[in-house]
Amino acid sequence: MNSVNPARDSAVTCSHHTEYAAAAGMPNLHEHLRTCAAALLHALGQGSVVPNTYSTAWQARLRIPGSADLLFPAAQQWLLDHQLPTGAWGSTIPLPHDRIVSTLAAVVALASNRQQATAPAPAQRAIEHGCDHLHSLADAWHNSDDETIAFEMTVPLLLRQAQELSLPLPYAAFQDLAMVREQKLRLIPRNTLMQEPTTLLVALETLTDQAVNFTQLSPYCQDNGAMGNSPSSTGAYWVATGSEKSRSYMEDVASLHPDGGFPEIYPASIFEWAWPLHYLGRADLLPSQPTPAFAYLRSMLRDDGTAAYDPHVDLPDSDDTAMTLALLVQYGLLPRTCLKALLSFESSEAFTTYHYERNPSVSANARVLWALRLWPQRFGQQIKKAEKFLLHHRQESAYWRDKWHVSPYYATDVVVQSLGGTSRFPLTGTANWIVETQHDDGSWGLAGGNPEESSYAVLTMEELSRHGRSFPAHTWERAAAYLAMHINDTEFAGLWIGKGLYTPVNVVKSAVLAGYTLALNKIHGDSLCRNSPTPAKPKPEMR
């Protein structure tokens, strides 16, 4: 794995199809598209979540026991190399929560390591530039919807550490957030934390100032040495316990990124296998027979039929469970009875992503709905519940937003697919919104448009068109022309919401390839790739 995309070197890459109309007439276009899909399938399992600032900054602060030497000195250089021209750190998409938490984490790490800096002057300039930028963001987070995970827990802690380092920051602007953190800390069920796995295991670095006995969490340290497969959380656990297994995990992750960066999460096998299979399948880009990846997904299910984002992680979630089960049922590899596992996430008004979740996720509920529709006679009550939840969260009668991804195009695509084209839910507003928000260059999305969000817009249009909606020809044509220029991209803006924004490259590449293929299909009126395995009839139910 490299720090950009392992698929880049693992298989033949695709040619740009800038002149998409001419390319569509080429006899070998079918092979070009399948070569792209084959490269992605070949790369699955290697890991493609690229490093982000938040995770790298926490690792940059770790020291070798009994020494002032840094455990990962290359992480400090990574931070210097990835500061943005504005002085901020974070995704190239300028969203306040991500910029604040990423920049804070970076300046605290660099300031903590002043004595170990190999280039003190550049490090000091980076700190000063970052602090200046944080002043410009002091009030921006109040009106932003794209809150990163554990923001209210992490930022007050980092600000306290920054104050101890005498960094000139707008502390008063975040006083309300400090109060929220104190209130939340009082609500944390300490007994539960010690008695069963919770999502706090993925964010232990946010509790390093609390009276938490980390050694009591050792039963939840995974076989690979990680805590929730989060390098930053594992680092906090290692500092408190000295676990050699956890240090080995972090060193293994570091070896995957020679430039010194650390990803938000590693590994995330089920997520990084299931989502690409889903997108490639929607564009008929899978081989004619189910690939070994489907068998691999089946093998990663837990004994109770649920799934987590990775089999090492003992935190099952409804999103990964629904995606995995739906894929396996669709292709005849599991009977529909397996879908009953999703009922463990059912609450009074919706489906939770994780147990103890306060605010249910739009995309997770949509994914559950999509899966349950494979057996509507059995899950009629649950289907109505999920539909009601989703319709309640529709914005401006047009689109949806979600807490796991910053783009409304991502959430809207998942919801539109889950609703299944039923006439009970007119989606005229959604169709109009898609057409009206396309940029002049054929793209959709933040910062003037980007390939990932554009792909979700095309996927949504294709889903709506399958159920009778029509779209102007030039909308498809401009989309195809734009995506053709990005079919070989290996770097994408961070749009997925973790503790910082992050990018699962192979997931994004599969969506871009699917979007481009579907746009060409609509333009030329025929499927370019028809060899994908046909979803099988459901297996007979087990009595």
Protein backbone atom coordinates (compact mmCIF):
# COMPACT_ATOMS: atom_id res chain seq x y z
CA MET A 1 0.00 0.00 0.00
CA ASN A 2 1.23 3.51 -0.70
CA SER A 3 0.04 6.84 0.57
CA VAL A 4 -2.11 7.58 -2.46
CA ASN A 5 -3.62 4.51 -4.08
CA PRO A 6 -2.33 0.95 -4.31
CA ALA A 7 -4.35 0.35 -7.46
CA ARG A 8 -2.12 2.86 -9.21
CA ASP A 9 0.69 0.32 -9.57
CA SER A 10 -1.20 -2.95 -9.31
CA ALA A 11 -2.80 -3.21 -12.71
CA VAL A 12 -3.17 -1.60 -16.11
CA THR A 13 -4.65 1.88 -15.84
CA CYS A 14 -7.37 3.32 -18.01
CA SER A 15 -6.94 5.86 -20.76
CA HIS A 16 -8.66 9.19 -20.41
CA HIS A 17 -11.84 9.27 -22.46
CA THR A 18 -11.96 13.02 -22.89
CA GLU A 19 -13.75 12.69 -26.21
CA TYR A 20 -16.34 10.45 -24.64
CA ALA A 21 -18.68 10.31 -27.62
CA ALA A 22 -15.91 9.14 -29.92
CA ALA A 23 -14.64 6.74 -27.30
CA ALA A 24 -18.07 5.18 -26.98
CA GLY A 25 -17.79 4.02 -30.58
CA MET A 26 -14.46 2.32 -30.03
CA PRO A 27 -14.63 -1.46 -30.09
CA ASN A 28 -12.32 -1.65 -27.10
CA LEU A 29 -14.17 0.78 -24.82
CA HIS A 30 -15.73 -2.23 -23.13
CA GLU A 31 -12.22 -3.45 -22.33
CA HIS A 32 -11.06 -0.03 -21.17
CA LEU A 33 -13.84 0.13 -18.60
CA ARG A 34 -13.35 -3.44 -17.49
CA THR A 35 -9.62 -2.86 -17.14
CA CYS A 36 -10.38 -0.04 -14.74
CA ALA A 37 -12.72 -2.30 -12.79
CA ALA A 38 -10.19 -5.15 -12.78
CA ALA A 39 -7.51 -2.81 -11.38
CA LEU A 40 -9.83 -1.84 -8.56
CA LEU A 41 -10.81 -5.42 -7.79
CA HIS A 42 -7.14 -6.38 -7.75
CA ALA A 43 -6.39 -3.64 -5.21
CA LEU A 44 -9.18 -4.52 -2.79
CA GLY A 45 -7.80 -5.68 0.53
CA GLN A 46 -4.61 -3.64 0.27
CA GLY A 47 -6.15 -0.67 2.05
CA SER A 48 -6.67 2.70 0.42
CA VAL A 49 -7.62 5.13 3.19
CA VAL A 50 -4.97 7.79 2.77
CA PRO A 51 -3.30 9.65 5.65
CA ASN A 52 -4.99 12.67 7.15
CA THR A 53 -3.75 15.42 9.43
CA TYR A 54 -5.73 14.51 12.53
CA SER A 55 -4.39 10.98 12.82
CA THR A 56 -0.84 11.92 11.81
CA ALA A 57 -0.66 14.74 14.35
CA TRP A 58 -1.44 12.45 17.27
CA GLN A 59 1.17 9.91 16.12
CA ALA A 60 3.74 12.70 15.68
CA ARG A 61 3.64 13.33 19.42
CA LEU A 62 4.48 9.77 20.53
CA ARG A 63 7.90 9.21 22.08
CA ILE A 64 10.05 6.16 22.59
CA PRO A 65 9.68 5.07 26.24
CA GLY A 66 12.46 6.44 28.43
CA SER A 67 13.63 8.80 25.71
CA ALA A 68 12.83 12.20 24.26
CA ASP A 69 13.13 10.74 20.75
CA LEU A 70 10.02 10.60 18.64
CA LEU A 71 8.58 7.18 17.85
CA PHE A 72 7.53 8.35 14.38
CA PRO A 73 9.78 11.30 13.42
CA ALA A 74 8.62 11.19 9.79
CA ALA A 75 5.13 12.16 10.96
CA GLN A 76 6.40 15.62 11.91
CA GLN A 77 7.80 16.16 8.41
CA TRP A 78 4.49 14.96 6.94
CA LEU A 79 2.74 17.73 8.85
CA LEU A 80 5.14 20.34 7.50
CA ASP A 81 4.71 19.03 3.96
CA HIS A 82 0.90 19.07 4.11
CA GLN A 83 0.16 22.50 5.50
CA LEU A 84 -2.15 24.36 3.11
CA PRO A 85 -1.25 27.80 1.69
CA THR A 86 -3.79 29.43 4.03
CA GLY A 87 -1.91 28.10 7.05
CA ALA A 88 -4.57 25.48 7.76
CA TRP A 89 -4.36 21.72 7.73
CA GLY A 90 -7.10 19.31 6.66
CA SER A 91 -9.05 18.43 3.56
CA THR A 92 -8.70 20.57 0.46
CA ILE A 93 -12.45 21.15 0.85
CA PRO A 94 -12.54 24.06 3.34
CA LEU A 95 -15.04 22.95 6.00
CA PRO A 96 -14.72 24.68 9.41
CA HIS A 97 -14.90 21.68 11.76
CA ASP A 98 -12.28 19.71 9.87
CA ARG A 99 -10.00 22.73 9.44
CA ILE A 100 -10.23 23.61 13.13
CA VAL A 101 -9.57 20.16 14.57
CA SER A 102 -6.89 19.33 11.99
CA THR A 103 -5.05 22.63 12.38
CA LEU A 104 -5.24 22.50 16.17
CA ALA A 105 -3.90 18.95 16.23
CA ALA A 106 -1.05 19.91 13.91
CA VAL A 107 0.10 23.06 15.75
CA VAL A 108 -0.06 21.28 19.12
CA ALA A 109 2.01 18.40 17.73
CA LEU A 110 4.60 20.69 16.16
CA ALA A 111 4.81 22.88 19.28
CA SER A 112 5.15 19.81 21.51
CA ASN A 113 8.08 18.65 19.39
CA ARG A 114 10.00 21.93 19.14
CA GLN A 115 13.10 20.45 20.74
CA GLN A 116 13.03 17.42 18.44
CA ALA A 117 12.48 19.41 15.24
CA THR A 118 15.15 18.76 12.60
CA ALA A 119 14.22 22.08 10.99
CA PRO A 120 13.17 24.41 13.85
CA ALA A 121 12.63 27.53 11.71
CA PRO A 122 10.16 25.95 9.24
CA ALA A 123 8.33 24.28 12.12
CA GLN A 124 8.00 27.58 13.98
CA ARG A 125 6.75 29.36 10.85
CA ALA A 126 4.20 26.58 10.32
CA ILE A 127 2.98 26.93 13.93
CA GLU A 128 2.60 30.69 13.63
CA HIS A 129 0.82 30.45 10.30
CA GLY A 130 -1.52 27.78 11.69
CA CYS A 131 -2.33 29.84 14.79
CA ASP A 132 -3.11 32.87 12.63
CA HIS A 133 -5.51 30.80 10.55
CA LEU A 134 -7.31 29.47 13.63
CA HIS A 135 -8.19 33.05 14.57
CA SER A 136 -10.02 33.37 11.25
CA LEU A 137 -12.04 30.22 12.05
CA ALA A 138 -13.00 31.17 15.61
CA ASP A 139 -16.68 31.67 14.80
CA ALA A 140 -17.06 29.67 11.59
CA TRP A 141 -17.91 26.36 13.23
CA HIS A 142 -21.12 27.67 14.81
CA ASN A 143 -23.05 27.69 11.53
CA SER A 144 -21.55 24.63 9.86
CA ASP A 145 -23.44 21.34 9.58
CA ASP A 146 -20.46 19.11 8.85
CA GLU A 147 -19.26 18.35 12.37
CA THR A 148 -16.45 15.85 12.61
CA ILE A 149 -16.68 12.91 15.01
CA ALA A 150 -15.96 13.77 18.66
CA PHE A 151 -15.36 17.44 17.77
CA GLU A 152 -16.80 18.63 21.08
CA MET A 153 -14.52 16.17 22.91
CA THR A 154 -11.31 16.77 20.97
CA VAL A 155 -11.14 20.53 20.43
CA PRO A 156 -11.38 21.59 24.11
CA LEU A 157 -8.70 19.04 25.01
CA LEU A 158 -6.38 20.28 22.26
CA LEU A 159 -7.02 23.89 23.27
CA ARG A 160 -6.05 23.11 26.85
CA GLN A 161 -2.83 21.50 25.61
CA ALA A 162 -2.21 24.49 23.32
CA GLN A 163 -2.63 26.86 26.26
CA GLU A 164 -0.05 24.87 28.22
CA LEU A 165 2.30 25.41 25.26
CA SER A 166 1.55 29.18 25.30
CA LEU A 167 0.17 29.17 21.77
CA PRO A 168 -1.65 32.42 20.84
CA LEU A 169 -5.14 31.15 20.01
CA PRO A 170 -8.73 32.47 20.34
CA TYR A 171 -9.54 30.44 23.46
CA ALA A 172 -12.57 32.48 24.46
CA ALA A 173 -14.32 31.64 21.17
CA PHE A 174 -14.50 27.98 22.20
CA GLN A 175 -15.62 28.34 25.84
CA ASP A 176 -19.12 27.07 25.03
CA LEU A 177 -17.60 23.96 23.47
CA ALA A 178 -15.61 23.30 26.64
CA MET A 179 -18.87 23.31 28.60
CA VAL A 180 -20.41 20.84 26.17
CA ARG A 181 -17.42 18.54 26.67
CA GLU A 182 -17.79 18.65 30.45
CA GLN A 183 -21.48 17.83 30.19
CA LYS A 184 -20.79 14.94 27.84
CA LEU A 185 -18.04 13.56 30.06
CA ARG A 186 -20.50 13.43 32.95
CA LEU A 187 -22.86 11.38 30.80
CA ILE A 188 -20.30 8.78 29.73
CA PRO A 189 -21.29 5.46 31.35
CA ARG A 190 -17.90 4.57 32.85
CA ASN A 191 -19.09 1.11 33.87
CA THR A 192 -20.31 0.45 30.34
CA LEU A 193 -16.96 1.60 28.92
CA MET A 194 -15.21 -1.08 30.96
CA GLN A 195 -17.81 -3.82 30.49
CA GLU A 196 -18.45 -3.89 26.74
CA PRO A 197 -17.07 -2.44 23.52
CA THR A 198 -18.40 1.04 22.71
CA THR A 199 -17.54 3.61 20.07
CA LEU A 200 -15.36 5.40 22.64
CA LEU A 201 -12.73 2.75 21.91
CA VAL A 202 -12.19 4.51 18.58
CA ALA A 203 -11.46 7.84 20.30
CA LEU A 204 -9.48 7.07 23.46
CA GLU A 205 -7.17 10.02 22.76
CA THR A 206 -10.08 12.28 23.77
CA LEU A 207 -10.05 10.76 27.28
CA THR A 208 -6.35 11.08 28.08
CA ASP A 209 -7.05 13.83 30.63
CA GLN A 210 -9.68 11.78 32.43
CA ALA A 211 -9.42 9.32 35.29
CA VAL A 212 -9.82 6.31 33.02
CA ASN A 213 -7.83 3.18 33.80
CA PHE A 214 -6.82 2.18 30.30
CA THR A 215 -5.45 -1.14 31.47
CA GLN A 216 -9.02 -2.19 32.21
CA LEU A 217 -9.71 -1.83 28.49
CA SER A 218 -7.17 -4.52 27.58
CA PRO A 219 -9.92 -7.10 26.84
CA TYR A 220 -10.95 -4.88 23.93
CA CYS A 221 -7.47 -4.55 22.47
CA GLN A 222 -7.87 -6.42 19.21
CA ASP A 223 -5.82 -9.31 17.89
CA ASN A 224 -3.94 -6.89 15.64
CA GLY A 225 -3.11 -4.67 18.65
CA ALA A 226 -5.43 -1.84 17.65
CA MET A 227 -8.23 -0.05 19.40
CA GLY A 228 -11.04 0.26 16.87
CA ASN A 229 -8.41 0.15 14.10
CA SER A 230 -7.77 3.81 14.89
CA PRO A 231 -4.06 4.78 15.02
CA SER A 232 -4.76 7.81 17.24
CA SER A 233 -6.86 5.82 19.72
CA THR A 234 -4.32 3.00 19.71
CA GLY A 235 -1.55 5.50 20.39
CA ALA A 236 -3.35 6.75 23.48
CA TYR A 237 -3.83 3.19 24.70
CA TRP A 238 -0.16 2.39 24.08
CA VAL A 239 1.05 5.45 26.01
CA ALA A 240 -1.08 4.40 29.01
CA THR A 241 -0.31 0.68 28.95
CA GLY A 242 2.93 0.15 27.04
CA SER A 243 1.30 -2.64 25.04
CA GLU A 244 3.88 -4.09 22.67
CA LYS A 245 1.10 -5.47 20.50
CA SER A 246 -0.29 -1.97 20.05
CA ARG A 247 3.13 -0.55 19.22
CA SER A 248 3.55 -3.26 16.59
CA TYR A 249 0.21 -2.31 15.08
CA MET A 250 1.23 1.34 14.79
CA GLU A 251 4.61 0.42 13.32
CA ASP A 252 2.87 -1.79 10.76
CA VAL A 253 0.62 1.10 9.75
CA ALA A 254 3.62 3.44 9.55
CA SER A 255 5.40 1.02 7.22
CA LEU A 256 2.55 1.35 4.73
CA HIS A 257 3.14 5.10 4.40
CA PRO A 258 6.85 5.91 4.02
CA ASP A 259 6.06 9.62 3.81
CA GLY A 260 5.19 9.59 7.52
CA GLY A 261 1.41 9.95 7.35
CA PHE A 262 -1.19 7.92 9.22
CA PRO A 263 -4.73 7.18 8.00
CA GLU A 264 -7.90 7.89 9.93
CA ILE A 265 -8.52 4.17 10.15
CA TYR A 266 -6.73 0.98 9.14
CA PRO A 267 -7.74 -1.58 8.16
CA ALA A 268 -11.38 -1.17 7.10
CA SER A 269 -11.69 -4.34 5.05
CA ILE A 270 -15.46 -4.81 4.88
CA PHE A 271 -16.07 -1.16 4.03
CA GLU A 272 -13.30 -1.15 1.42
CA TRP A 273 -14.55 -4.37 -0.20
CA ALA A 274 -18.32 -3.95 -0.04
CA TRP A 275 -18.67 -0.35 -1.28
CA PRO A 276 -16.59 -0.84 -4.47
CA LEU A 277 -18.45 -4.08 -5.25
CA HIS A 278 -21.71 -2.20 -4.82
CA TYR A 279 -20.76 0.67 -7.14
CA LEU A 280 -19.16 -1.52 -9.79
CA GLY A 281 -22.21 -3.78 -9.71
CA ARG A 282 -24.55 -0.84 -10.30
CA ALA A 283 -22.64 -0.08 -13.51
CA ASP A 284 -22.44 -3.74 -14.68
CA LEU A 285 -18.66 -3.69 -14.29
CA LEU A 286 -18.19 -6.90 -12.32
CA PRO A 287 -17.06 -10.18 -13.90
CA SER A 288 -19.77 -12.54 -15.17
CA GLN A 289 -19.36 -14.78 -12.13
CA PRO A 290 -19.28 -13.50 -8.53
CA THR A 291 -15.68 -12.74 -7.64
CA PRO A 292 -13.88 -14.23 -4.62
CA ALA A 293 -14.53 -10.89 -2.96
CA PHE A 294 -18.13 -11.95 -2.34
CA ALA A 295 -16.99 -15.12 -0.56
CA TYR A 296 -14.53 -13.02 1.42
CA LEU A 297 -17.32 -10.70 2.54
CA ARG A 298 -19.40 -13.66 3.63
CA SER A 299 -16.49 -15.03 5.66
CA MET A 300 -16.17 -11.72 7.54
CA LEU A 301 -19.69 -11.77 8.96
CA ARG A 302 -19.89 -12.19 12.72
CA ASP A 303 -21.57 -15.20 14.32
CA ASP A 304 -24.74 -13.18 14.88
CA GLY A 305 -24.87 -12.21 11.20
CA THR A 306 -23.83 -8.58 11.69
CA ALA A 307 -20.72 -6.85 10.36
CA ALA A 308 -18.35 -4.08 11.38
CA TYR A 309 -16.19 -1.98 9.08
CA ASP A 310 -13.46 -4.56 9.68
CA PRO A 311 -13.59 -8.08 11.17
CA HIS A 312 -10.96 -7.14 13.78
CA VAL A 313 -13.36 -4.57 15.26
CA ASP A 314 -15.94 -5.73 17.79
CA LEU A 315 -18.30 -2.83 16.99
CA PRO A 316 -20.96 -4.03 14.54
CA ASP A 317 -22.88 -1.33 12.72
CA SER A 318 -26.04 -1.26 10.64
CA ASP A 319 -24.44 0.39 7.60
CA ASP A 320 -21.76 -2.26 6.97
CA THR A 321 -24.18 -5.02 7.96
CA ALA A 322 -26.88 -3.85 5.55
CA MET A 323 -24.47 -3.34 2.66
CA THR A 324 -22.82 -6.73 3.13
CA LEU A 325 -26.02 -8.72 3.62
CA ALA A 326 -27.79 -7.01 0.72
CA LEU A 327 -24.93 -7.78 -1.66
CA LEU A 328 -24.77 -11.43 -0.59
CA VAL A 329 -28.55 -11.89 -0.79
CA GLN A 330 -28.76 -10.17 -4.18
CA TYR A 331 -26.20 -12.51 -5.67
CA GLY A 332 -27.70 -15.63 -4.15
CA LEU A 333 -24.94 -16.31 -1.63
CA LEU A 334 -27.17 -16.02 1.45
CA PRO A 335 -30.89 -16.58 2.06
CA ARG A 336 -33.09 -13.61 2.93
CA THR A 337 -33.48 -14.89 6.47
CA CYS A 338 -30.02 -13.46 7.21
CA LEU A 339 -31.56 -9.98 7.00
CA LYS A 340 -33.08 -10.54 10.44
CA ALA A 341 -29.68 -9.56 11.85
CA LEU A 342 -30.54 -5.96 11.02
CA LEU A 343 -33.31 -5.97 13.61
CA SER A 344 -30.67 -5.77 16.35
CA PHE A 345 -30.19 -2.12 15.33
CA GLU A 346 -33.88 -1.22 15.40
CA SER A 347 -34.99 1.51 17.81
CA SER A 348 -38.39 3.01 18.44
CA GLU A 349 -38.21 5.50 15.56
CA ALA A 350 -35.36 4.41 13.29
CA PHE A 351 -32.30 2.20 13.02
CA THR A 352 -29.13 3.14 14.87
CA THR A 353 -25.71 2.86 13.27
CA TYR A 354 -24.17 1.78 16.57
CA HIS A 355 -25.70 0.86 19.87
CA TYR A 356 -25.95 3.86 22.24
CA GLU A 357 -26.06 6.25 19.27
CA ARG A 358 -27.81 9.55 20.00
CA ASN A 359 -28.57 10.74 16.47
CA PRO A 360 -29.44 8.11 13.85
CA SER A 361 -27.75 8.35 10.48
CA VAL A 362 -29.63 9.06 7.24
CA SER A 363 -27.36 6.91 5.10
CA ALA A 364 -27.39 4.00 7.54
CA ASN A 365 -31.19 4.01 7.69
CA ALA A 366 -31.37 4.20 3.91
CA ARG A 367 -28.96 1.29 3.58
CA VAL A 368 -31.05 -0.76 6.00
CA LEU A 369 -34.19 0.11 4.05
CA TRP A 370 -32.54 -0.97 0.79
CA ALA A 371 -31.61 -4.32 2.35
CA LEU A 372 -35.01 -4.93 3.98
CA ARG A 373 -36.78 -4.30 0.66
CA LEU A 374 -35.32 -7.60 -0.48
CA TRP A 375 -38.00 -9.24 1.72
CA PRO A 376 -40.88 -6.72 1.97
CA GLN A 377 -43.43 -9.28 3.15
CA ARG A 378 -41.35 -10.04 6.25
CA PHE A 379 -40.19 -6.52 7.11
CA GLY A 380 -43.18 -4.35 6.21
CA GLN A 381 -43.32 -2.62 9.60
CA GLN A 382 -39.58 -1.87 9.65
CA ILE A 383 -39.70 -0.63 6.04
CA LYS A 384 -42.40 1.89 6.94
CA LYS A 385 -40.40 3.03 9.95
CA ALA A 386 -37.26 3.66 7.90
CA GLU A 387 -39.25 5.40 5.16
CA LYS A 388 -40.86 7.73 7.69
CA PHE A 389 -37.49 8.58 9.21
CA LEU A 390 -35.95 9.35 5.82
CA LEU A 391 -38.83 11.47 4.58
CA HIS A 392 -38.75 13.46 7.83
CA HIS A 393 -35.08 14.28 7.21
CA ARG A 394 -35.46 15.37 3.59
CA GLN A 395 -34.34 18.98 3.17
CA GLU A 396 -36.15 21.49 0.96
CA SER A 397 -38.17 18.58 -0.47
CA ALA A 398 -35.13 17.72 -2.53
CA TYR A 399 -32.04 16.27 -0.88
CA TRP A 400 -30.59 14.61 2.21
CA ARG A 401 -27.51 15.15 4.35
CA ASP A 402 -25.73 12.69 6.61
CA LYS A 403 -23.25 12.62 9.47
CA TRP A 404 -20.81 10.17 7.84
CA HIS A 405 -20.21 12.12 4.61
CA VAL A 406 -20.18 15.85 3.94
CA SER A 407 -21.85 15.65 0.52
CA PRO A 408 -25.62 15.79 0.14
CA TYR A 409 -25.13 13.95 -3.15
CA TYR A 410 -23.81 10.89 -1.29
CA ALA A 411 -26.71 10.77 1.16
CA THR A 412 -29.26 11.52 -1.56
CA ASP A 413 -28.00 8.69 -3.76
CA VAL A 414 -28.28 6.17 -0.92
CA VAL A 415 -31.80 7.35 -0.04
CA VAL A 416 -33.08 7.42 -3.61
CA GLN A 417 -31.84 3.89 -4.20
CA SER A 418 -33.44 2.72 -0.96
CA LEU A 419 -36.85 4.14 -1.81
CA GLY A 420 -36.91 1.87 -4.83
CA GLY A 421 -38.79 4.15 -7.18
CA THR A 422 -42.10 3.68 -5.40
CA SER A 423 -44.78 6.08 -6.62
CA ARG A 424 -45.76 6.80 -3.02
CA PHE A 425 -42.74 9.11 -2.72
CA PRO A 426 -42.60 11.67 -5.54
CA LEU A 427 -39.00 12.73 -6.02
CA THR A 428 -39.57 15.54 -8.50
CA GLY A 429 -37.79 17.98 -6.20
CA THR A 430 -34.77 15.70 -6.06
CA ALA A 431 -34.61 15.36 -9.85
CA ASN A 432 -34.88 19.12 -10.30
CA TRP A 433 -32.24 19.75 -7.64
CA ILE A 434 -29.76 17.47 -9.42
CA VAL A 435 -30.22 19.27 -12.74
CA GLU A 436 -30.16 22.75 -11.23
CA THR A 437 -26.99 22.24 -9.18
CA GLN A 438 -24.76 20.93 -11.96
CA HIS A 439 -21.83 23.28 -12.58
CA ASP A 440 -20.98 24.62 -16.02
CA ASP A 441 -18.09 22.19 -16.40
CA GLY A 442 -20.43 19.21 -15.89
CA SER A 443 -19.48 18.58 -12.26
CA TRP A 444 -21.39 18.74 -9.00
CA GLY A 445 -20.35 19.50 -5.46
CA LEU A 446 -18.31 21.65 -3.13
CA ALA A 447 -15.40 23.92 -4.06
CA GLY A 448 -16.62 24.29 -7.63
CA GLY A 449 -17.25 20.59 -8.12
CA ASN A 450 -15.29 17.36 -7.73
CA PRO A 451 -15.31 13.83 -9.22
CA GLU A 452 -16.68 12.04 -6.17
CA GLU A 453 -19.77 14.17 -5.67
CA SER A 454 -20.34 14.27 -9.43
CA SER A 455 -20.42 10.48 -9.48
CA TYR A 456 -23.09 10.33 -6.78
CA ALA A 457 -25.18 12.83 -8.73
CA VAL A 458 -24.99 10.62 -11.83
CA LEU A 459 -25.80 7.50 -9.80
CA THR A 460 -28.86 9.28 -8.42
CA MET A 461 -29.97 10.34 -11.89
CA GLU A 462 -29.57 6.79 -13.17
CA GLU A 463 -31.65 5.44 -10.29
CA LEU A 464 -34.39 8.01 -10.88
CA SER A 465 -34.38 7.40 -14.64
CA ARG A 466 -34.89 3.68 -14.08
CA HIS A 467 -38.20 4.62 -12.47
CA GLY A 468 -39.47 6.97 -15.14
CA ARG A 469 -37.68 10.26 -14.53
CA SER A 470 -36.09 11.89 -17.55
CA PHE A 471 -33.13 14.25 -17.61
CA PRO A 472 -31.87 16.61 -20.33
CA ALA A 473 -29.37 15.01 -22.70
CA HIS A 474 -26.84 17.78 -22.08
CA THR A 475 -26.86 16.97 -18.35
CA TRP A 476 -25.64 13.44 -19.08
CA GLU A 477 -23.22 14.65 -21.76
CA ARG A 478 -21.56 17.26 -19.58
CA ALA A 479 -21.32 14.77 -16.71
CA ALA A 480 -19.64 12.18 -18.93
CA ALA A 481 -17.19 14.74 -20.31
CA TYR A 482 -16.25 15.89 -16.81
CA LEU A 483 -15.84 12.39 -15.36
CA ALA A 484 -13.83 11.29 -18.40
CA MET A 485 -11.13 13.74 -17.33
CA HIS A 486 -10.95 12.20 -13.85
CA ILE A 487 -11.13 8.47 -14.54
CA ASN A 488 -7.40 8.12 -13.76
CA ASP A 489 -7.32 10.38 -10.70
CA THR A 490 -5.52 8.95 -7.69
CA GLU A 491 -6.03 11.85 -5.29
CA PHE A 492 -9.39 13.07 -4.06
CA ALA A 493 -10.55 15.61 -1.50
CA GLY A 494 -11.46 14.26 1.93
CA LEU A 495 -15.25 14.13 2.14
CA TRP A 496 -15.81 11.19 4.49
CA ILE A 497 -16.38 12.23 8.10
CA GLY A 498 -14.18 10.77 10.80
CA LYS A 499 -12.41 12.63 13.57
CA GLY A 500 -10.96 14.46 10.60
CA LEU A 501 -12.14 14.27 7.00
CA TYR A 502 -10.62 11.35 5.11
CA THR A 503 -10.61 9.59 1.74
CA PRO A 504 -11.06 5.86 1.02
CA VAL A 505 -9.51 6.05 -2.45
CA ASN A 506 -10.73 2.74 -3.87
CA VAL A 507 -14.30 3.47 -2.76
CA VAL A 508 -14.17 6.84 -4.50
CA LYS A 509 -12.53 5.44 -7.63
CA SER A 510 -15.25 2.80 -7.92
CA ALA A 511 -17.95 5.47 -7.67
CA VAL A 512 -16.24 7.63 -10.32
CA LEU A 513 -15.87 4.68 -12.68
CA ALA A 514 -19.50 3.67 -12.14
CA GLY A 515 -20.74 7.21 -12.67
CA TYR A 516 -18.77 7.62 -15.90
CA THR A 517 -19.97 4.28 -17.25
CA LEU A 518 -23.62 5.00 -16.45
CA ALA A 519 -23.45 8.44 -18.04
CA LEU A 520 -22.09 6.89 -21.25
CA ASN A 521 -24.82 4.26 -21.16
CA LYS A 522 -27.50 6.95 -21.02
CA ILE A 523 -25.95 8.92 -23.86
CA HIS A 524 -25.67 5.94 -26.20
CA GLY A 525 -28.80 4.06 -25.17
CA ASP A 526 -27.20 0.71 -24.47
CA SER A 527 -25.18 -0.94 -21.74
CA LEU A 528 -21.48 -0.92 -22.51
CA CYS A 529 -20.73 -3.66 -20.01
CA ARG A 530 -23.21 -6.47 -19.61
CA ASN A 531 -21.10 -9.23 -18.09
CA SER A 532 -21.75 -8.52 -14.41
CA PRO A 533 -23.30 -11.32 -12.42
CA THR A 534 -27.06 -11.04 -12.46
CA PRO A 535 -28.57 -10.81 -8.99
CA ALA A 536 -29.92 -14.25 -8.27
CA LYS A 537 -33.35 -15.18 -7.03
CA PRO A 538 -33.27 -15.31 -3.24
CA LYS A 539 -32.37 -18.67 -1.78
CA PRO A 540 -35.22 -20.66 -0.26
CA GLU A 541 -36.00 -19.47 3.22
CA MET A 542 -34.76 -21.57 6.11
CA ARG A 543 -37.68 -22.68 8.25
